[in-house]
Amino acid sequence: MVELTLPDEPIPQGLYVPAIVFGGLAVSAGMTPRVDGRLMVVGTVGIDVSVEEAFAAAGLAAANALSAIAHSAGGLRNVMQCLRMTVFIACGTDFFEHSAVADGASAKLREGLGDRGTVARSAIGVASLPSGAPVEVELTAAVAMG
């Protein structure tokens, strides 16, 4: 396991918080592949965005979700176990490689957290996502109360 370098806490793009902690659980808002508030990839997977590009974008979105949770929980050391992740993929009705895209998010969590990054996961195709993002990731984790 390589020590994961998290991005800065994500900048909300609306009236919400990046993550919230309650009763030993932390839930992230939906995170897109942004760096410093700027969307790094735009488009529809399978049309404008390749599966490989979407895989990488899903990894960045998952890192943002984990960063939001870690900041809300007082640090990555307080993230005890990632539990559930939903990966939304902007795609057409004839796209069926949802799992291949969502694997980018799963791989990013496992890369930095090992078994603590293993999640139950859903990959869902949608017509569009905020600001034209190709992917959006929501994450729930168990956190230490400190």
Protein backbone atom coordinates (compact mmCIF):
# COMPACT_ATOMS: atom_id res chain seq x y z
CA MET A 1 0.00 0.00 0.00
CA VAL A 2 1.30 3.41 -1.03
CA GLU A 3 0.58 6.41 1.18
CA LEU A 4 -2.24 8.25 -0.55
CA THR A 5 -1.73 11.96 -1.10
CA LEU A 6 -5.17 13.49 -0.93
CA PRO A 7 -6.20 16.54 -2.88
CA ASP A 8 -7.18 19.67 -0.96
CA GLU A 9 -10.66 19.61 0.50
CA PRO A 10 -13.08 19.95 -2.43
CA ILE A 11 -14.70 23.31 -3.03
CA PRO A 12 -18.52 23.07 -2.98
CA GLN A 13 -20.13 24.07 -6.27
CA GLY A 14 -23.42 24.96 -4.56
CA LEU A 15 -25.15 25.20 -1.20
CA TYR A 16 -23.86 22.06 0.51
CA VAL A 17 -20.91 20.77 2.50
CA PRO A 18 -18.30 18.42 1.01
CA ALA A 19 -18.97 15.79 3.69
CA ILE A 20 -20.74 15.34 6.98
CA VAL A 21 -19.89 13.13 9.95
CA PHE A 22 -22.59 11.78 12.25
CA GLY A 23 -22.51 8.89 14.71
CA GLY A 24 -19.33 7.26 13.42
CA LEU A 25 -20.34 7.52 9.75
CA ALA A 26 -19.15 10.02 7.19
CA VAL A 27 -20.97 10.68 3.94
CA SER A 28 -19.53 12.69 1.08
CA ALA A 29 -21.43 14.87 -1.31
CA GLY A 30 -21.26 13.81 -4.93
CA MET A 31 -17.75 14.56 -6.15
CA THR A 32 -16.69 15.11 -9.73
CA PRO A 33 -13.15 15.03 -11.18
CA ARG A 34 -12.11 18.53 -10.12
CA VAL A 35 -8.77 20.02 -9.14
CA ASP A 36 -8.90 23.35 -7.30
CA GLY A 37 -12.58 23.64 -8.24
CA ARG A 38 -11.88 23.18 -11.97
CA LEU A 39 -13.46 20.24 -13.78
CA MET A 40 -10.64 18.28 -15.44
CA VAL A 41 -12.75 16.18 -17.84
CA VAL A 42 -16.03 17.06 -19.53
CA GLY A 43 -18.25 14.94 -21.71
CA THR A 44 -20.23 11.76 -22.11
CA VAL A 45 -18.47 8.44 -21.55
CA GLY A 46 -18.41 6.34 -24.70
CA ILE A 47 -18.95 9.41 -26.90
CA ASP A 48 -16.60 12.28 -25.93
CA VAL A 49 -14.73 10.49 -23.14
CA SER A 50 -13.05 7.09 -23.48
CA VAL A 51 -13.42 4.35 -20.89
CA GLU A 52 -9.74 4.87 -19.99
CA GLU A 53 -10.24 8.61 -19.47
CA ALA A 54 -13.37 7.94 -17.43
CA PHE A 55 -11.48 5.37 -15.31
CA ALA A 56 -8.92 8.07 -14.42
CA ALA A 57 -11.67 10.66 -13.85
CA ALA A 58 -13.48 8.26 -11.50
CA GLY A 59 -10.23 7.84 -9.55
CA LEU A 60 -9.91 11.61 -9.17
CA ALA A 61 -13.55 11.94 -8.12
CA ALA A 62 -13.07 9.15 -5.53
CA ALA A 63 -9.95 10.90 -4.20
CA ASN A 64 -12.02 14.07 -3.82
CA ALA A 65 -14.76 12.16 -1.96
CA LEU A 66 -12.19 10.57 0.34
CA SER A 67 -10.53 13.95 0.88
CA ALA A 68 -13.87 15.48 1.88
CA ILE A 69 -14.49 12.67 4.37
CA ALA A 70 -10.94 12.78 5.75
CA HIS A 71 -11.10 16.54 6.28
CA SER A 72 -14.47 16.23 8.03
CA ALA A 73 -13.22 13.37 10.22
CA GLY A 74 -9.99 15.04 11.32
CA GLY A 75 -7.60 13.23 8.98
CA LEU A 76 -7.15 10.13 6.87
CA ARG A 77 -6.03 8.16 9.94
CA ASN A 78 -9.61 8.51 11.27
CA VAL A 79 -11.11 6.81 8.20
CA MET A 80 -11.54 3.30 9.57
CA GLN A 81 -13.29 1.65 6.60
CA CYS A 82 -14.83 2.81 3.37
CA LEU A 83 -18.24 1.17 3.25
CA ARG A 84 -20.29 2.12 0.23
CA MET A 85 -19.64 3.96 -2.99
CA THR A 86 -21.92 4.98 -5.82
CA VAL A 87 -20.36 5.91 -9.14
CA PHE A 88 -22.61 7.81 -11.53
CA ILE A 89 -21.52 7.72 -15.18
CA ALA A 90 -22.83 10.13 -17.82
CA CYS A 91 -23.30 7.87 -20.82
CA GLY A 92 -25.61 6.96 -23.66
CA THR A 93 -28.18 4.17 -23.58
CA ASP A 94 -25.89 1.88 -25.56
CA PHE A 95 -22.99 2.08 -23.05
CA PHE A 96 -22.46 -1.02 -20.91
CA GLU A 97 -18.96 -0.67 -19.44
CA HIS A 98 -20.09 0.93 -16.18
CA SER A 99 -18.02 -1.42 -14.02
CA ALA A 100 -14.85 -0.72 -16.01
CA VAL A 101 -15.27 3.00 -15.30
CA ALA A 102 -16.22 2.52 -11.63
CA ASP A 103 -13.13 0.35 -11.17
CA GLY A 104 -11.09 3.57 -11.42
CA ALA A 105 -12.74 4.83 -8.23
CA SER A 106 -12.35 1.48 -6.47
CA ALA A 107 -8.69 1.24 -7.49
CA LYS A 108 -7.93 4.71 -6.09
CA LEU A 109 -9.42 3.83 -2.68
CA ARG A 110 -7.57 0.50 -2.54
CA GLU A 111 -4.31 2.13 -3.68
CA GLY A 112 -4.13 4.40 -0.66
CA LEU A 113 -6.11 2.55 2.00
CA GLY A 114 -5.59 -1.13 1.22
CA ASP A 115 -8.39 -3.24 2.71
CA ARG A 116 -9.85 -0.13 4.38
CA GLY A 117 -10.63 1.10 0.87
CA THR A 118 -12.67 -1.95 -0.12
CA VAL A 119 -16.31 -0.95 -0.65
CA ALA A 120 -19.70 -2.24 -1.66
CA ARG A 121 -20.36 -0.39 -4.90
CA SER A 122 -22.99 0.59 -7.43
CA ALA A 123 -22.23 1.89 -10.93
CA ILE A 124 -25.15 3.78 -12.46
CA GLY A 125 -25.51 5.26 -15.93
CA VAL A 126 -27.21 8.65 -16.16
CA ALA A 127 -28.04 11.09 -18.96
CA SER A 128 -26.02 13.99 -17.53
CA LEU A 129 -24.09 15.18 -14.48
CA PRO A 130 -23.32 18.63 -13.01
CA SER A 131 -21.24 20.93 -15.24
CA GLY A 132 -20.96 18.20 -17.88
CA ALA A 133 -18.82 15.91 -15.70
CA PRO A 134 -18.45 12.36 -17.04
CA VAL A 135 -18.51 10.80 -13.54
CA GLU A 136 -19.63 11.61 -10.01
CA VAL A 137 -18.76 9.63 -6.87
CA GLU A 138 -20.52 9.45 -3.50
CA LEU A 139 -18.74 7.72 -0.62
CA THR A 140 -19.77 6.54 2.84
CA ALA A 141 -17.16 5.53 5.42
CA ALA A 142 -16.89 4.50 9.05
CA VAL A 143 -14.78 7.01 10.95
CA ALA A 144 -13.22 7.16 14.39
CA MET A 145 -14.91 9.52 16.76
CA GLY A 146 -12.26 11.57 18.35
